[in-house]
Amino acid sequence: MGFDSAVETIAWERVHLTIVTKLTQTQADTEPAVPPDEVTYRLQSLRFGYPVQTEYLGDGRHRLTLTITDFHDRRPIPDGAWRLIAEHGGTDLSAVRLPLDRVDAMDDYSRVFLYSQNTESYSVTFGITESDVRPEFVIRTYRFYRNPVVADLSSAKRVAGTAARRLKVAASDPRPVGLAIRSLSRMFRRVFGSPGNRILFASEMRGKLEGNLLRVRDRMLERGLDGQFEFTYSFRLPSSSSTLGTLGLIRKLATADIILVDDYFGLLENLYLDPKVKVIQLWHAGSGFKSIGYSRFGKYGSPKLFNAHRRYTYAIAGSTHLVPVYAEAFGIEERAVVPTGLPRIDTFLDPELSRAAVDAFYAAHPELVGKRIILFAPTFRGRGILDAYYDYDQIDFARWWEQCGDDTVVLFRMHHFVAEPPPIPEQYRDRLIDAAGFGDTNDLLRVADVLITDYSSVIYEYSLLRRPMLFFSYDREVYAATRGFHRDFEETAPGKACDTFDELLTAIAESDFETWRIDAFVEENFDYVDTGSTDRVIDWLILGEPPQPAGPDADRQPAADQEGQA
């Protein structure tokens, strides 16, 4: 029986490559026909073959999906030239070919992803094999590296500067540091061991226990689990890090049995992890728009092909809809992302705690009783905590003060990465207030009548209150081009988007909030609207195992420790 498979379309969506093929029978046969919905495809080099996610579309067409950053075992598609093979029941049917009139167009589909401050790249190109009979479609994937120190053009300078350049390269090379972390952590594990019940609550982006980590710890105390587990802690900011502190943290990580984090944790990248250790990411953000992790691979602030995100045993999400979003962002399989809901939502939805928080707020700020409160809480600009900022020039403080009148105040709650406070002139501080010291952000959400943000995940909790939101997206096009969105901003924002400050003030004045968008957002982002998220994290991820999902990832296992990392 003869078959022919040909490429019909090629498309990219961030790190997801989609190829649609058309399979046809070229030779009549008396044998039973192969059911096309049972045909699968694999990626094949001279030495290796890997299955490709295959979906039958009907009429002989199949959609092949390859996530280049997480193709197999949390690794990218390996270097090499790869053919696509259609198969059924272990029998090869046809190698995929490319119509020859489309060969020249393949350059338009090729991609080069730059990362590691443009010192490394990962390329994906398309073409055909060198065959005079039946050229086959081929995907070529390669990683390239360059010396981060550019050589001088002058030969005299080159000779004179050789030693200095070598020292510079050695100082900038992360490999010795990574090997040292790995060796130290392995030694600490071997020498000090672990008791089998030690939980480490840790963050490199926060100076104290808060958010999801705080709620999980507190709930474990409420359930008496501190008698079953030993709790240890590590909270610090990059500005407070030291060599001695890092050595102590490596020991804590190496001797823990369960590691709970809530943000990126760089030391995990090179840490030796015993196969029994669980690393659980309780990501601090619920659902925003900005791309994070591998969703921005090859863009501004791109991660390396292997980084700390890939070490998670599990990560949590608020809904089944968000599972593929976080799987892509962390470079892990979908089965490792568990839609438990966010622990901090439990306290946000607790009516008694909410009433107490509101009462405490107004007791601390009696001058705000009876005022309409607008909470301005945008995300940061920049790569991260070390260079975070906000463009305050976009705000006309005088005009906003005047619009507030006597009955409205604006509380400015900047992202905790942004060190510079809002430069509110003294004469406007009765209505425009820097709320950096006003306690927990969730408490401010409870008292806010209107939320103004941009691409921040602060909308996640606030949407449950069904109150108005506005999105001040003055740099939307630049942000989309450099940082990237993992979903369409304007279509999914649960409120009106304003691209200028004039539009923002007009929307406030006219109460033009487009609140009809909120219900759809809540339905999409919450599997549970209850106070049980923390218990699901504890029962499913700490004490036991999560319910098994269905789908193409169901049989893929998260990797605890990986030698020879990409």
Protein backbone atom coordinates (compact mmCIF):
# COMPACT_ATOMS: atom_id res chain seq x y z
CA MET A 1 0.00 0.00 0.00
CA GLY A 2 1.52 3.39 -1.03
CA PHE A 3 1.06 6.68 0.81
CA ASP A 4 2.15 10.24 0.26
CA SER A 5 2.28 12.90 2.98
CA ALA A 6 2.94 16.54 2.14
CA VAL A 7 3.21 19.79 4.08
CA GLU A 8 0.20 22.08 3.65
CA THR A 9 0.83 24.84 6.18
CA ILE A 10 3.44 25.96 8.71
CA ALA A 11 2.60 28.39 11.52
CA TRP A 12 4.23 29.77 14.66
CA GLU A 13 2.72 30.97 17.92
CA ARG A 14 5.57 32.00 20.23
CA VAL A 15 7.43 28.70 20.89
CA HIS A 16 4.74 26.49 19.38
CA LEU A 17 5.32 25.21 15.85
CA THR A 18 2.29 23.85 14.01
CA ILE A 19 2.54 21.90 10.75
CA VAL A 20 -0.52 20.65 8.88
CA THR A 21 0.06 17.69 6.57
CA LYS A 22 -2.10 15.95 3.99
CA LEU A 23 -1.89 12.15 3.79
CA THR A 24 -3.19 10.39 0.68
CA GLN A 25 -3.15 6.80 -0.55
CA THR A 26 -1.26 6.66 -3.84
CA GLN A 27 -1.76 3.01 -4.69
CA ALA A 28 -4.91 0.89 -4.52
CA ASP A 29 -4.56 -2.30 -2.51
CA THR A 30 -6.68 -5.22 -1.44
CA GLU A 31 -5.52 -4.82 2.16
CA PRO A 32 -7.79 -2.97 4.61
CA ALA A 33 -7.32 0.79 4.43
CA VAL A 34 -5.40 2.50 7.24
CA PRO A 35 -7.81 4.58 9.35
CA PRO A 36 -6.39 8.11 9.01
CA ASP A 37 -7.45 9.05 12.54
CA GLU A 38 -5.08 6.33 13.83
CA VAL A 39 -2.07 7.70 11.96
CA THR A 40 0.60 9.40 14.05
CA TYR A 41 3.83 11.20 13.18
CA ARG A 42 7.32 11.15 14.61
CA LEU A 43 10.39 13.34 14.27
CA GLN A 44 13.28 11.23 12.95
CA SER A 45 17.01 11.85 12.61
CA LEU A 46 19.65 9.35 11.57
CA ARG A 47 19.87 8.04 15.15
CA PHE A 48 16.80 9.10 17.11
CA GLY A 49 13.05 9.24 16.76
CA TYR A 50 10.52 11.11 18.91
CA PRO A 51 6.71 11.03 18.75
CA VAL A 52 5.00 14.25 17.71
CA GLN A 53 1.66 15.41 19.09
CA THR A 54 -0.75 14.53 16.27
CA GLU A 55 -4.36 15.61 15.85
CA TYR A 56 -6.56 14.36 13.01
CA LEU A 57 -8.46 17.16 11.29
CA GLY A 58 -10.39 15.11 8.74
CA ASP A 59 -9.97 14.59 4.99
CA GLY A 60 -6.51 13.06 5.49
CA ARG A 61 -5.16 16.14 7.25
CA HIS A 62 -3.20 16.06 10.50
CA ARG A 63 -2.08 18.91 12.74
CA LEU A 64 1.38 18.34 14.20
CA THR A 65 2.32 20.46 17.22
CA LEU A 66 5.89 20.85 18.46
CA THR A 67 6.81 23.05 21.42
CA ILE A 68 10.42 23.74 20.63
CA THR A 69 11.45 24.64 24.19
CA ASP A 70 9.79 21.62 25.78
CA PHE A 71 9.79 18.96 23.11
CA HIS A 72 10.94 15.92 25.08
CA ASP A 73 11.88 15.43 28.75
CA ARG A 74 11.79 19.20 29.39
CA ARG A 75 14.36 19.79 26.68
CA PRO A 76 14.25 21.49 23.29
CA ILE A 77 14.32 19.66 19.98
CA PRO A 78 17.92 18.35 19.88
CA ASP A 79 20.45 19.65 17.37
CA GLY A 80 20.16 17.92 14.03
CA ALA A 81 18.30 17.47 10.77
CA TRP A 82 14.86 15.95 11.31
CA ARG A 83 12.37 14.36 8.96
CA LEU A 84 8.69 13.83 9.73
CA ILE A 85 7.45 10.26 9.30
CA ALA A 86 3.79 9.19 9.12
CA GLU A 87 3.25 5.84 10.81
CA HIS A 88 0.50 3.43 11.82
CA GLY A 89 0.83 0.59 14.31
CA GLY A 90 4.62 0.71 14.20
CA THR A 91 4.75 0.65 10.39
CA ASP A 92 6.12 3.63 8.45
CA LEU A 93 3.69 4.94 5.83
CA SER A 94 5.50 7.90 4.32
CA ALA A 95 8.14 10.52 4.97
CA VAL A 96 6.61 13.97 4.69
CA ARG A 97 7.61 15.89 1.60
CA LEU A 98 7.53 19.60 0.81
CA PRO A 99 5.94 20.70 -2.48
CA LEU A 100 8.89 21.89 -4.52
CA ASP A 101 7.24 25.16 -5.49
CA ARG A 102 7.32 26.13 -1.80
CA VAL A 103 11.01 25.51 -1.09
CA ASP A 104 12.05 29.15 -1.60
CA ALA A 105 9.34 30.33 0.79
CA MET A 106 10.74 28.33 3.72
CA ASP A 107 13.05 31.16 4.76
CA ASP A 108 9.96 33.10 5.76
CA TYR A 109 9.10 30.45 8.34
CA SER A 110 12.57 30.02 9.82
CA ARG A 111 13.23 31.40 13.29
CA VAL A 112 16.31 32.39 15.28
CA PHE A 113 15.75 32.76 19.03
CA LEU A 114 18.39 34.81 20.85
CA TYR A 115 18.96 34.40 24.58
CA SER A 116 21.67 34.67 27.29
CA GLN A 117 22.13 38.36 26.51
CA ASN A 118 22.52 37.56 22.82
CA THR A 119 25.48 35.23 23.37
CA GLU A 120 23.50 32.12 22.42
CA SER A 121 20.85 31.32 19.85
CA TYR A 122 18.56 28.49 18.85
CA SER A 123 17.63 28.27 15.19
CA VAL A 124 14.81 26.41 13.49
CA THR A 125 14.96 26.28 9.69
CA PHE A 126 13.07 24.34 7.02
CA GLY A 127 14.14 22.83 3.73
CA ILE A 128 14.47 19.56 1.84
CA THR A 129 16.86 16.61 1.88
CA GLU A 130 19.50 16.24 -0.81
CA SER A 131 17.75 13.69 -2.97
CA ASP A 132 17.41 13.62 -6.75
CA VAL A 133 14.43 11.26 -6.57
CA ARG A 134 12.06 12.37 -3.79
CA PRO A 135 13.34 15.28 -1.68
CA GLU A 136 11.81 15.07 1.78
CA PHE A 137 10.80 17.84 4.14
CA VAL A 138 13.45 18.50 6.80
CA ILE A 139 13.55 20.60 9.98
CA ARG A 140 17.02 21.69 11.09
CA THR A 141 17.50 22.76 14.71
CA TYR A 142 20.82 24.00 16.07
CA ARG A 143 22.17 25.89 19.04
CA PHE A 144 24.97 28.40 18.53
CA TYR A 145 27.26 30.06 21.04
CA ARG A 146 29.65 32.97 20.85
CA ASN A 147 32.38 34.27 23.10
CA PRO A 148 30.81 37.09 25.13
CA VAL A 149 34.03 39.10 24.86
CA VAL A 150 34.54 40.52 21.37
CA ALA A 151 38.10 40.27 20.10
CA ASP A 152 39.93 43.48 19.19
CA LEU A 153 40.55 44.10 15.51
CA SER A 154 44.14 45.17 16.03
CA SER A 155 46.54 42.22 16.12
CA ALA A 156 48.80 44.08 18.56
CA LYS A 157 45.91 44.70 20.89
CA ARG A 158 44.83 41.09 20.46
CA VAL A 159 48.19 39.80 21.63
CA ALA A 160 48.51 42.30 24.47
CA GLY A 161 44.99 41.70 25.68
CA THR A 162 44.88 37.90 25.52
CA ALA A 163 45.38 37.32 29.24
CA ALA A 164 42.89 40.04 30.21
CA ARG A 165 40.27 38.68 27.82
CA ARG A 166 40.70 35.16 29.15
CA LEU A 167 40.18 36.41 32.69
CA LYS A 168 37.12 38.32 31.55
CA VAL A 169 35.65 35.26 29.88
CA ALA A 170 36.35 33.11 32.94
CA ALA A 171 34.68 35.66 35.21
CA SER A 172 31.60 35.84 32.99
CA ASP A 173 31.32 32.09 32.44
CA PRO A 174 28.49 30.72 34.61
CA ARG A 175 29.57 27.10 34.23
CA PRO A 176 32.12 26.96 37.08
CA VAL A 177 29.58 28.60 39.41
CA GLY A 178 26.94 26.10 38.34
CA LEU A 179 29.28 23.17 38.91
CA ALA A 180 30.19 24.53 42.33
CA ILE A 181 26.52 24.83 43.34
CA ARG A 182 25.85 21.32 42.12
CA SER A 183 28.85 19.86 43.94
CA LEU A 184 28.08 21.69 47.17
CA SER A 185 24.44 20.69 47.19
CA ARG A 186 25.32 17.05 46.50
CA MET A 187 27.86 17.12 49.34
CA PHE A 188 25.41 18.78 51.77
CA ARG A 189 22.78 16.16 50.94
CA ARG A 190 25.25 13.32 51.46
CA VAL A 191 26.78 14.69 54.68
CA PHE A 192 23.74 16.13 56.44
CA GLY A 193 20.98 14.11 54.81
CA SER A 194 17.34 15.01 55.35
CA PRO A 195 14.80 13.92 57.95
CA GLY A 196 12.21 13.00 55.31
CA ASN A 197 9.71 15.63 56.46
CA ARG A 198 11.49 18.97 56.07
CA ILE A 199 9.66 21.70 54.15
CA LEU A 200 11.50 24.81 53.00
CA PHE A 201 9.44 27.95 52.32
CA ALA A 202 11.65 30.19 50.19
CA SER A 203 11.73 33.25 47.96
CA GLU A 204 14.52 35.23 46.32
CA MET A 205 12.14 38.08 45.47
CA ARG A 206 10.57 38.80 48.87
CA GLY A 207 12.06 39.67 52.21
CA LYS A 208 9.41 37.93 54.31
CA LEU A 209 6.82 35.16 54.28
CA GLU A 210 3.69 36.36 52.47
CA GLY A 211 1.16 35.56 49.75
CA ASN A 212 0.62 31.94 48.75
CA LEU A 213 3.52 30.69 50.88
CA LEU A 214 2.15 32.36 53.99
CA ARG A 215 -1.32 30.94 53.46
CA VAL A 216 -0.01 27.38 52.97
CA ARG A 217 2.16 27.61 56.08
CA ASP A 218 -0.68 29.04 58.17
CA ARG A 219 -3.16 26.42 56.97
CA MET A 220 -0.70 23.63 57.77
CA LEU A 221 -0.43 25.06 61.29
CA GLU A 222 -4.23 25.19 61.55
CA ARG A 223 -4.40 21.52 60.59
CA GLY A 224 -1.70 20.55 63.09
CA LEU A 225 0.71 19.48 60.37
CA ASP A 226 3.62 21.20 62.09
CA GLY A 227 3.74 18.04 64.21
CA GLN A 228 4.28 15.97 61.07
CA PHE A 229 6.65 18.33 59.23
CA GLU A 230 9.66 20.45 60.12
CA PHE A 231 9.37 23.98 58.68
CA THR A 232 12.41 25.97 57.53
CA TYR A 233 12.51 29.36 55.83
CA SER A 234 14.63 31.51 53.54
CA PHE A 235 13.52 34.95 52.34
CA ARG A 236 15.83 37.51 50.82
CA LEU A 237 16.17 40.05 48.03
CA PRO A 238 19.06 40.28 45.54
CA SER A 239 20.22 43.43 47.34
CA SER A 240 20.55 41.53 50.62
CA SER A 241 22.32 38.45 49.24
CA SER A 242 25.82 37.50 50.37
CA THR A 243 28.24 34.67 49.69
CA LEU A 244 27.86 33.31 53.22
CA GLY A 245 24.08 33.58 53.02
CA THR A 246 24.08 31.78 49.67
CA LEU A 247 26.11 28.91 51.09
CA GLY A 248 23.61 28.57 53.92
CA LEU A 249 20.72 28.66 51.46
CA ILE A 250 22.31 25.93 49.31
CA ARG A 251 22.49 23.76 52.42
CA LYS A 252 18.82 24.44 53.22
CA LEU A 253 17.79 23.57 49.68
CA ALA A 254 19.95 20.46 49.55
CA THR A 255 18.62 19.05 52.83
CA ALA A 256 14.93 19.82 52.24
CA ASP A 257 12.40 17.17 51.27
CA ILE A 258 9.81 19.61 49.89
CA ILE A 259 10.72 23.03 48.51
CA LEU A 260 7.96 25.62 48.15
CA VAL A 261 8.71 28.77 46.13
CA ASP A 262 6.53 31.55 44.75
CA ASP A 263 8.70 33.18 42.07
CA TYR A 264 11.76 32.53 39.95
CA PHE A 265 14.46 30.87 42.09
CA GLY A 266 17.76 30.86 40.22
CA LEU A 267 19.71 28.51 42.51
CA LEU A 268 17.43 25.65 41.49
CA GLU A 269 18.93 25.66 38.00
CA ASN A 270 22.17 23.94 39.05
CA LEU A 271 21.11 22.41 42.36
CA TYR A 272 21.46 18.67 42.86
CA LEU A 273 18.00 17.35 43.66
CA ASP A 274 17.42 13.94 45.12
CA PRO A 275 14.75 12.13 43.04
CA LYS A 276 12.48 12.01 46.11
CA VAL A 277 12.48 15.80 46.58
CA LYS A 278 9.40 17.76 45.50
CA VAL A 279 9.83 21.30 44.19
CA ILE A 280 6.45 23.05 44.14
CA GLN A 281 6.00 26.42 42.45
CA LEU A 282 3.18 28.41 44.11
CA TRP A 283 3.49 31.18 41.53
CA HIS A 284 2.52 34.52 43.02
CA ALA A 285 0.57 35.76 40.00
CA GLY A 286 -2.90 34.50 39.21
CA SER A 287 -3.49 35.49 35.62
CA GLY A 288 -2.07 38.50 33.86
CA PHE A 289 -1.27 39.23 30.25
CA LYS A 290 2.49 39.64 30.15
CA SER A 291 4.55 36.74 28.90
CA ILE A 292 6.85 35.13 31.45
CA GLY A 293 9.52 32.46 31.26
CA TYR A 294 9.58 30.47 28.04
CA SER A 295 6.57 32.35 26.67
CA ARG A 296 9.10 35.10 25.91
CA PHE A 297 11.86 32.83 24.61
CA GLY A 298 13.93 34.77 22.10
CA LYS A 299 12.46 38.10 23.22
CA TYR A 300 13.45 40.81 25.68
CA GLY A 301 14.56 39.14 28.92
CA SER A 302 14.46 35.65 27.40
CA PRO A 303 15.39 32.69 29.62
CA LYS A 304 18.13 30.26 28.69
CA LEU A 305 17.17 26.93 27.15
CA PHE A 306 17.57 25.38 30.58
CA ASN A 307 16.84 27.34 33.75
CA ALA A 308 15.34 26.98 37.21
CA HIS A 309 11.73 26.85 35.96
CA ARG A 310 12.32 23.37 34.53
CA ARG A 311 13.09 21.91 37.97
CA TYR A 312 9.53 22.07 39.29
CA THR A 313 7.84 18.84 40.22
CA TYR A 314 4.56 20.73 40.23
CA ALA A 315 3.30 24.24 39.62
CA ILE A 316 -0.16 25.51 40.48
CA ALA A 317 -2.71 27.38 38.37
CA GLY A 318 -6.12 28.87 38.97
CA SER A 319 -7.96 26.96 36.26
CA THR A 320 -7.70 24.21 33.69
CA HIS A 321 -7.69 26.93 31.03
CA LEU A 322 -4.41 28.28 32.45
CA VAL A 323 -2.61 24.91 32.55
CA PRO A 324 -1.10 25.22 29.03
CA VAL A 325 -0.18 28.86 29.74
CA TYR A 326 1.96 27.94 32.73
CA ALA A 327 3.30 24.76 31.16
CA GLU A 328 4.63 26.87 28.29
CA ALA A 329 5.98 29.55 30.61
CA PHE A 330 7.86 27.13 32.86
CA GLY A 331 8.97 24.74 30.12
CA ILE A 332 7.31 21.75 31.80
CA GLU A 333 4.65 19.25 30.79
CA GLU A 334 0.99 20.10 31.28
CA ARG A 335 0.49 17.22 33.73
CA ALA A 336 2.90 18.99 36.13
CA VAL A 337 0.67 22.09 36.26
CA VAL A 338 -2.16 21.43 38.71
CA PRO A 339 -5.25 23.69 38.80
CA THR A 340 -5.63 23.89 42.56
CA GLY A 341 -6.51 27.56 42.68
CA LEU A 342 -4.34 30.13 44.46
CA PRO A 343 -4.02 29.72 48.24
CA ARG A 344 -4.15 33.46 48.91
CA ILE A 345 -7.63 33.55 47.34
CA ASP A 346 -8.91 31.61 50.35
CA THR A 347 -8.34 34.52 52.71
CA PHE A 348 -9.55 37.00 50.11
CA LEU A 349 -12.90 35.20 49.88
CA ASP A 350 -13.31 34.59 53.61
CA PRO A 351 -16.13 36.95 54.68
CA GLU A 352 -14.97 37.34 58.27
CA LEU A 353 -11.37 38.04 57.30
CA SER A 354 -12.55 40.46 54.63
CA ARG A 355 -14.69 42.41 57.09
CA ALA A 356 -11.84 42.52 59.58
CA ALA A 357 -9.41 43.74 56.91
CA VAL A 358 -11.76 46.51 55.78
CA ASP A 359 -12.39 47.60 59.38
CA ALA A 360 -8.67 47.63 60.12
CA PHE A 361 -7.98 49.69 56.99
CA TYR A 362 -10.44 52.42 57.89
CA ALA A 363 -9.32 52.39 61.52
CA ALA A 364 -5.80 53.10 60.31
CA HIS A 365 -6.97 55.67 57.74
CA PRO A 366 -10.12 57.34 59.10
CA GLU A 367 -9.67 60.27 56.72
CA LEU A 368 -10.66 57.92 53.86
CA VAL A 369 -14.03 56.92 55.33
CA GLY A 370 -16.79 57.85 52.89
CA LYS A 371 -14.38 58.50 50.01
CA ARG A 372 -14.51 56.77 46.64
CA ILE A 373 -11.20 54.92 46.40
CA ILE A 374 -9.44 54.40 43.07
CA LEU A 375 -6.52 51.98 43.34
CA PHE A 376 -3.73 52.55 40.80
CA ALA A 377 -1.65 49.33 40.74
CA PRO A 378 0.34 48.78 37.52
CA THR A 379 3.08 46.27 36.87
CA PHE A 380 6.73 47.22 36.42
CA ARG A 381 8.72 47.95 33.27
CA GLY A 382 12.20 46.51 32.75
CA ARG A 383 13.61 43.00 32.90
CA GLY A 384 13.10 42.33 36.60
CA ILE A 385 13.86 43.33 40.16
CA LEU A 386 17.27 44.83 39.39
CA ASP A 387 16.13 47.36 36.77
CA ALA A 388 12.39 47.68 37.38
CA TYR A 389 10.80 51.10 36.89
CA TYR A 390 7.56 52.85 35.97
CA ASP A 391 7.24 55.82 33.60
CA TYR A 392 5.63 58.40 35.87
CA ASP A 393 5.79 60.99 33.07
CA GLN A 394 2.65 59.35 31.69
CA ILE A 395 0.66 60.70 34.65
CA ASP A 396 -0.56 64.29 34.93
CA PHE A 397 -0.87 64.54 38.70
CA ALA A 398 -2.42 68.04 38.62
CA ARG A 399 -5.24 67.03 36.30
CA TRP A 400 -5.95 63.83 38.21
CA TRP A 401 -6.07 65.74 41.52
CA GLU A 402 -8.51 68.22 40.04
CA GLN A 403 -10.76 65.49 38.65
CA CYS A 404 -10.92 63.70 42.02
CA GLY A 405 -12.78 66.53 43.71
CA ASP A 406 -13.53 66.24 47.41
CA ASP A 407 -15.12 62.79 47.29
CA THR A 408 -12.40 60.70 45.57
CA VAL A 409 -8.84 59.64 46.35
CA VAL A 410 -6.33 57.70 44.27
CA LEU A 411 -4.09 55.22 46.08
CA PHE A 412 -0.84 54.49 44.22
CA ARG A 413 0.36 50.95 44.89
CA MET A 414 3.41 50.32 42.73
CA HIS A 415 4.85 46.88 42.01
CA HIS A 416 7.23 45.81 44.77
CA PHE A 417 10.08 45.62 42.23
CA VAL A 418 9.81 49.39 41.58
CA ALA A 419 12.03 51.20 44.09
CA GLU A 420 11.19 54.76 43.04
CA PRO A 421 7.97 56.03 44.65
CA PRO A 422 5.44 58.03 42.61
CA PRO A 423 6.62 61.68 42.51
CA ILE A 424 3.35 63.19 43.73
CA PRO A 425 3.78 66.92 44.35
CA GLU A 426 3.17 67.92 47.95
CA GLN A 427 0.09 70.05 47.18
CA TYR A 428 -1.75 67.04 45.68
CA ARG A 429 -1.07 64.46 48.39
CA ASP A 430 -4.44 64.84 50.07
CA ARG A 431 -6.17 63.16 47.10
CA LEU A 432 -3.26 61.35 45.41
CA ILE A 433 -1.69 59.08 48.01
CA ASP A 434 1.35 56.81 47.91
CA ALA A 435 0.00 53.59 49.49
CA ALA A 436 3.33 51.73 49.67
CA GLY A 437 3.00 51.42 53.45
CA PHE A 438 -0.70 50.60 53.54
CA GLY A 439 -0.38 46.90 54.26
CA ASP A 440 -1.24 43.95 52.03
CA THR A 441 -2.30 44.60 48.43
CA ASN A 442 -5.33 42.34 48.85
CA ASP A 443 -6.56 44.60 51.66
CA LEU A 444 -6.38 47.56 49.28
CA LEU A 445 -8.35 45.60 46.69
CA ARG A 446 -11.09 45.04 49.25
CA VAL A 447 -11.62 48.76 49.81
CA ALA A 448 -11.10 49.91 46.21
CA ASP A 449 -14.18 51.02 44.29
CA VAL A 450 -12.25 51.09 41.00
CA LEU A 451 -9.00 49.36 40.04
CA ILE A 452 -6.66 50.86 37.45
CA THR A 453 -3.84 48.61 36.28
CA ASP A 454 -2.27 47.50 33.00
CA TYR A 455 -0.80 44.02 32.43
CA SER A 456 -0.65 43.02 36.09
CA SER A 457 -2.13 39.87 37.63
CA VAL A 458 -3.73 42.00 40.36
CA ILE A 459 -6.91 41.70 38.27
CA TYR A 460 -7.14 38.06 39.30
CA GLU A 461 -8.46 38.62 42.81
CA TYR A 462 -10.24 41.85 42.01
CA SER A 463 -12.35 40.27 39.30
CA LEU A 464 -14.08 38.16 41.98
CA LEU A 465 -15.47 41.36 43.51
CA ARG A 466 -17.19 42.21 40.18
CA ARG A 467 -16.11 45.85 40.54
CA PRO A 468 -15.01 48.19 37.73
CA MET A 469 -11.52 48.01 36.23
CA LEU A 470 -9.63 50.20 33.77
CA PHE A 471 -6.40 49.32 31.95
CA PHE A 472 -3.94 52.17 31.40
CA SER A 473 -1.94 50.61 28.56
CA TYR A 474 0.01 53.62 27.28
CA ASP A 475 2.82 51.40 25.94
CA ARG A 476 0.75 48.47 24.70
CA GLU A 477 2.37 48.15 21.27
CA VAL A 478 5.94 48.44 22.59
CA TYR A 479 5.19 46.06 25.46
CA ALA A 480 3.66 43.51 23.10
CA ALA A 481 6.65 43.71 20.74
CA THR A 482 9.35 43.46 23.43
CA ARG A 483 7.88 41.60 26.38
CA GLY A 484 4.98 39.91 24.63
CA PHE A 485 1.47 38.84 25.67
CA HIS A 486 0.45 35.22 26.08
CA ARG A 487 -3.11 36.13 25.05
CA ASP A 488 -4.82 38.99 23.27
CA PHE A 489 -4.89 41.95 25.62
CA GLU A 490 -7.83 43.93 24.34
CA GLU A 491 -10.09 40.92 23.86
CA THR A 492 -9.56 39.38 27.30
CA ALA A 493 -9.04 42.38 29.60
CA PRO A 494 -11.97 42.45 32.09
CA GLY A 495 -12.46 46.18 31.60
CA LYS A 496 -11.88 49.07 29.24
CA ALA A 497 -8.37 49.60 27.83
CA CYS A 498 -7.12 53.20 27.72
CA ASP A 499 -4.01 53.97 25.67
CA THR A 500 -3.64 57.61 26.75
CA PHE A 501 -4.02 59.49 30.01
CA ASP A 502 -6.79 61.58 28.42
CA GLU A 503 -8.72 58.38 27.65
CA LEU A 504 -8.20 57.21 31.21
CA LEU A 505 -9.60 60.38 32.78
CA THR A 506 -12.53 60.37 30.35
CA ALA A 507 -13.39 56.77 31.20
CA ILE A 508 -13.34 57.60 34.92
CA ALA A 509 -15.48 60.71 34.45
CA GLU A 510 -18.05 58.86 32.31
CA SER A 511 -17.95 55.61 34.32
CA ASP A 512 -17.11 53.84 31.06
CA PHE A 513 -15.68 50.62 32.50
CA GLU A 514 -17.05 47.87 30.20
CA THR A 515 -17.87 45.75 33.25
CA TRP A 516 -19.65 43.22 31.04
CA ARG A 517 -16.22 41.69 30.38
CA ILE A 518 -15.71 40.54 33.97
CA ASP A 519 -17.97 37.47 33.99
CA ALA A 520 -16.21 35.88 31.01
CA PHE A 521 -12.82 36.52 32.64
CA VAL A 522 -13.88 34.85 35.90
CA GLU A 523 -15.33 31.84 34.11
CA GLU A 524 -12.11 31.35 32.16
CA ASN A 525 -9.67 31.81 35.02
CA PHE A 526 -11.30 30.07 38.00
CA ASP A 527 -12.15 26.39 38.30
CA TYR A 528 -13.01 27.03 41.94
CA VAL A 529 -14.47 30.12 43.58
CA ASP A 530 -14.18 28.87 47.16
CA THR A 531 -11.86 28.82 50.15
CA GLY A 532 -10.37 25.38 49.46
CA SER A 533 -7.35 26.17 47.28
CA THR A 534 -4.85 25.85 50.13
CA ASP A 535 -6.22 22.48 51.18
CA ARG A 536 -5.97 21.26 47.59
CA VAL A 537 -2.31 22.30 47.50
CA ILE A 538 -1.62 20.54 50.79
CA ASP A 539 -3.60 17.38 50.05
CA TRP A 540 -2.69 16.96 46.38
CA LEU A 541 0.89 18.22 46.23
CA ILE A 542 2.41 18.03 49.73
CA LEU A 543 0.68 15.06 51.35
CA GLY A 544 -0.29 13.12 48.24
CA GLU A 545 -0.41 13.24 44.47
CA PRO A 546 -2.65 15.31 42.18
CA PRO A 547 -5.57 13.83 40.26
CA GLN A 548 -4.30 12.41 36.99
CA PRO A 549 -5.19 14.53 33.94
CA ALA A 550 -6.21 13.25 30.54
CA GLY A 551 -4.51 14.33 27.35
CA PRO A 552 -1.26 13.97 25.41
CA ASP A 553 0.93 14.73 28.44
CA ALA A 554 -0.66 12.24 30.81
CA ASP A 555 2.17 9.72 30.67
CA ARG A 556 5.04 12.21 30.84
CA GLN A 557 6.91 12.31 34.12
CA PRO A 558 8.45 15.47 35.64
CA ALA A 559 12.21 15.21 35.99
CA ALA A 560 13.68 15.60 39.48
CA ASP A 561 17.33 15.82 38.52
CA GLN A 562 18.93 16.08 35.13
CA GLU A 563 22.56 15.41 34.39
CA GLY A 564 24.11 17.01 31.34
CA GLN A 565 21.53 19.76 31.26
CA ALA A 566 20.86 21.59 28.05
